[in-house]
Amino acid sequence: MEKPWKCGDCGKGFNYPSRLETHRRSHTGERPFTCSVCGEGFTQSFSLLVHQRVHTGERPFTCSVCGEGFTQSFSLLVHQRVHTGERPFTCSVCGKGFTRSSHLLTHQRVHQ
């Protein structure tokens, strides 16, 4: 798919002008969405919405196995690997599996 909207700073292309606008904030530092409780700023309205759950305690995504609640659907998906045993990130050196890519990256340092 063609990405006709290009960033003037880095040349990265986007499918939609709104995505380009959000990306441009990474260059300008603009954070137009501000939390009314703590004043923290965000580049996207969705990020502010998720952040506000810190203050409200809302955890709308619940594990059907253990009942633990999460603020984001992605966090629930990662958590469910505890119950399924899935380890989708595998070390190419020793074959050890990890539930998160960040854990694999940390592990790979032992091979250096």
C-alpha atoms as a PDB file:
ATOM      1  CA  MET A   1       0.000   0.000   0.000  1.00  0.00           C
ATOM      2  CA  GLU A   2       1.307   3.398  -0.958  1.00  0.00           C
ATOM      3  CA  LYS A   3       2.137   5.815   1.843  1.00  0.00           C
ATOM      4  CA  PRO A   4       1.663   9.220   0.234  1.00  0.00           C
ATOM      5  CA  TRP A   5       2.008  11.390   3.354  1.00  0.00           C
ATOM      6  CA  LYS A   6       5.726  11.862   4.075  1.00  0.00           C
ATOM      7  CA  CYS A   7       7.401  13.393   7.097  1.00  0.00           C
ATOM      8  CA  GLY A   8       9.430  16.438   6.104  1.00  0.00           C
ATOM      9  CA  ASP A   9      11.965  15.742   8.850  1.00  0.00           C
ATOM     10  CA  CYS A  10      12.788  12.041   8.424  1.00  0.00           C
ATOM     11  CA  GLY A  11      10.992  10.949   5.247  1.00  0.00           C
ATOM     12  CA  LYS A  12       8.872   8.244   6.891  1.00  0.00           C
ATOM     13  CA  GLY A  13       5.643   7.592   4.962  1.00  0.00           C
ATOM     14  CA  PHE A  14       2.095   7.232   6.261  1.00  0.00           C
ATOM     15  CA  ASN A  15      -1.221   5.969   4.900  1.00  0.00           C
ATOM     16  CA  TYR A  16      -3.241   8.698   6.582  1.00  0.00           C
ATOM     17  CA  PRO A  17      -2.564  12.378   7.264  1.00  0.00           C
ATOM     18  CA  SER A  18      -3.639  11.952  10.898  1.00  0.00           C
ATOM     19  CA  ARG A  19      -0.873   9.369  11.417  1.00  0.00           C
ATOM     20  CA  LEU A  20       1.653  11.812   9.946  1.00  0.00           C
ATOM     21  CA  GLU A  21       0.389  14.526  12.296  1.00  0.00           C
ATOM     22  CA  THR A  22       0.866  12.254  15.313  1.00  0.00           C
ATOM     23  CA  HIS A  23       4.330  11.229  14.087  1.00  0.00           C
ATOM     24  CA  ARG A  24       5.423  14.837  13.643  1.00  0.00           C
ATOM     25  CA  ARG A  25       4.977  15.292  17.368  1.00  0.00           C
ATOM     26  CA  SER A  26       7.938  12.952  17.879  1.00  0.00           C
ATOM     27  CA  HIS A  27      10.075  15.649  16.218  1.00  0.00           C
ATOM     28  CA  THR A  28       8.450  18.704  17.777  1.00  0.00           C
ATOM     29  CA  GLY A  29       7.909  17.360  21.289  1.00  0.00           C
ATOM     30  CA  GLU A  30       4.311  18.596  21.186  1.00  0.00           C
ATOM     31  CA  ARG A  31       2.012  16.827  23.670  1.00  0.00           C
ATOM     32  CA  PRO A  32      -1.424  18.383  23.217  1.00  0.00           C
ATOM     33  CA  PHE A  33      -3.379  15.912  25.347  1.00  0.00           C
ATOM     34  CA  THR A  34      -2.860  16.725  29.023  1.00  0.00           C
ATOM     35  CA  CYS A  35      -4.008  14.823  32.101  1.00  0.00           C
ATOM     36  CA  SER A  36      -6.208  17.045  34.264  1.00  0.00           C
ATOM     37  CA  VAL A  37      -5.081  15.202  37.403  1.00  0.00           C
ATOM     38  CA  CYS A  38      -1.269  15.179  37.152  1.00  0.00           C
ATOM     39  CA  GLY A  39      -0.494  17.377  34.148  1.00  0.00           C
ATOM     40  CA  GLU A  40       1.366  14.727  32.153  1.00  0.00           C
ATOM     41  CA  GLY A  41       1.164  15.319  28.402  1.00  0.00           C
ATOM     42  CA  PHE A  42       0.582  12.836  25.579  1.00  0.00           C
ATOM     43  CA  THR A  43       0.891  12.861  21.801  1.00  0.00           C
ATOM     44  CA  GLN A  44      -2.353  10.920  21.279  1.00  0.00           C
ATOM     45  CA  SER A  45      -5.767  11.126  22.902  1.00  0.00           C
ATOM     46  CA  PHE A  46      -5.831   7.333  23.297  1.00  0.00           C
ATOM     47  CA  SER A  47      -2.600   7.429  25.316  1.00  0.00           C
ATOM     48  CA  LEU A  48      -4.213   9.955  27.651  1.00  0.00           C
ATOM     49  CA  LEU A  49      -7.283   7.725  28.018  1.00  0.00           C
ATOM     50  CA  VAL A  50      -5.134   4.732  28.994  1.00  0.00           C
ATOM     51  CA  HIS A  51      -3.066   6.892  31.372  1.00  0.00           C
ATOM     52  CA  GLN A  52      -6.165   8.172  33.175  1.00  0.00           C
ATOM     53  CA  ARG A  53      -6.826   4.616  34.321  1.00  0.00           C
ATOM     54  CA  VAL A  54      -3.840   5.069  36.653  1.00  0.00           C
ATOM     55  CA  HIS A  55      -5.871   7.676  38.526  1.00  0.00           C
ATOM     56  CA  THR A  56      -9.288   6.002  38.324  1.00  0.00           C
ATOM     57  CA  GLY A  57      -8.095   2.460  39.037  1.00  0.00           C
ATOM     58  CA  GLU A  58     -10.147   1.198  36.088  1.00  0.00           C
ATOM     59  CA  ARG A  59      -8.965  -2.174  34.765  1.00  0.00           C
ATOM     60  CA  PRO A  60     -11.460  -3.079  32.041  1.00  0.00           C
ATOM     61  CA  PHE A  61      -9.578  -6.101  30.670  1.00  0.00           C
ATOM     62  CA  THR A  62      -9.973  -9.137  32.944  1.00  0.00           C
ATOM     63  CA  CYS A  63      -8.273 -12.517  32.726  1.00  0.00           C
ATOM     64  CA  SER A  64     -10.882 -15.260  32.407  1.00  0.00           C
ATOM     65  CA  VAL A  65      -8.584 -17.732  34.195  1.00  0.00           C
ATOM     66  CA  CYS A  66      -7.476 -15.880  37.339  1.00  0.00           C
ATOM     67  CA  GLY A  67      -9.570 -12.693  37.362  1.00  0.00           C
ATOM     68  CA  GLU A  68      -6.636 -10.272  37.327  1.00  0.00           C
ATOM     69  CA  GLY A  69      -7.503  -6.941  35.717  1.00  0.00           C
ATOM     70  CA  PHE A  70      -5.471  -4.859  33.274  1.00  0.00           C
ATOM     71  CA  THR A  71      -5.601  -1.309  31.938  1.00  0.00           C
ATOM     72  CA  GLN A  72      -4.779  -2.340  28.353  1.00  0.00           C
ATOM     73  CA  SER A  73      -5.853  -5.283  26.198  1.00  0.00           C
ATOM     74  CA  PHE A  74      -2.229  -5.911  25.207  1.00  0.00           C
ATOM     75  CA  SER A  75      -1.236  -6.327  28.856  1.00  0.00           C
ATOM     76  CA  LEU A  76      -3.938  -8.963  29.232  1.00  0.00           C
ATOM     77  CA  LEU A  77      -2.697 -10.810  26.142  1.00  0.00           C
ATOM     78  CA  VAL A  78       0.861 -10.891  27.507  1.00  0.00           C
ATOM     79  CA  HIS A  79      -0.423 -11.995  30.935  1.00  0.00           C
ATOM     80  CA  GLN A  80      -2.360 -14.909  29.452  1.00  0.00           C
ATOM     81  CA  ARG A  81       0.974 -16.482  28.464  1.00  0.00           C
ATOM     82  CA  VAL A  82       1.397 -17.267  32.171  1.00  0.00           C
ATOM     83  CA  HIS A  83      -1.549 -19.644  31.866  1.00  0.00           C
ATOM     84  CA  THR A  84      -0.868 -21.015  28.360  1.00  0.00           C
ATOM     85  CA  GLY A  85       2.894 -21.419  28.718  1.00  0.00           C
ATOM     86  CA  GLU A  86       3.401 -19.721  25.352  1.00  0.00           C
ATOM     87  CA  ARG A  87       6.928 -18.331  24.861  1.00  0.00           C
ATOM     88  CA  PRO A  88       6.926 -16.791  21.375  1.00  0.00           C
ATOM     89  CA  PHE A  89      10.317 -15.063  21.607  1.00  0.00           C
ATOM     90  CA  THR A  90      13.153 -17.570  21.202  1.00  0.00           C
ATOM     91  CA  CYS A  91      16.886 -17.044  21.578  1.00  0.00           C
ATOM     92  CA  SER A  92      18.657 -17.898  18.311  1.00  0.00           C
ATOM     93  CA  VAL A  93      21.787 -18.948  20.222  1.00  0.00           C
ATOM     94  CA  CYS A  94      20.485 -21.323  22.909  1.00  0.00           C
ATOM     95  CA  GLY A  95      16.805 -21.804  22.055  1.00  0.00           C
ATOM     96  CA  LYS A  96      15.450 -20.531  25.371  1.00  0.00           C
ATOM     97  CA  GLY A  97      11.924 -19.059  25.063  1.00  0.00           C
ATOM     98  CA  PHE A  98      10.503 -15.885  26.579  1.00  0.00           C
ATOM     99  CA  THR A  99       7.059 -14.383  27.024  1.00  0.00           C
ATOM    100  CA  ARG A 100       8.200 -10.844  26.117  1.00  0.00           C
ATOM    101  CA  SER A 101      10.592  -9.545  23.490  1.00  0.00           C
ATOM    102  CA  SER A 102      12.220  -7.288  26.093  1.00  0.00           C
ATOM    103  CA  HIS A 103      13.062 -10.341  28.208  1.00  0.00           C
ATOM    104  CA  LEU A 104      14.706 -11.960  25.191  1.00  0.00           C
ATOM    105  CA  LEU A 105      16.777  -8.838  24.537  1.00  0.00           C
ATOM    106  CA  THR A 106      17.964  -8.794  28.146  1.00  0.00           C
ATOM    107  CA  HIS A 107      18.803 -12.509  27.975  1.00  0.00           C
ATOM    108  CA  GLN A 108      20.808 -12.156  24.750  1.00  0.00           C
ATOM    109  CA  ARG A 109      23.418 -10.143  26.655  1.00  0.00           C
ATOM    110  CA  VAL A 110      24.625 -13.355  28.330  1.00  0.00           C
ATOM    111  CA  HIS A 111      25.854 -14.564  24.942  1.00  0.00           C
ATOM    112  CA  GLN A 112      28.001 -11.489  24.226  1.00  0.00           C
END
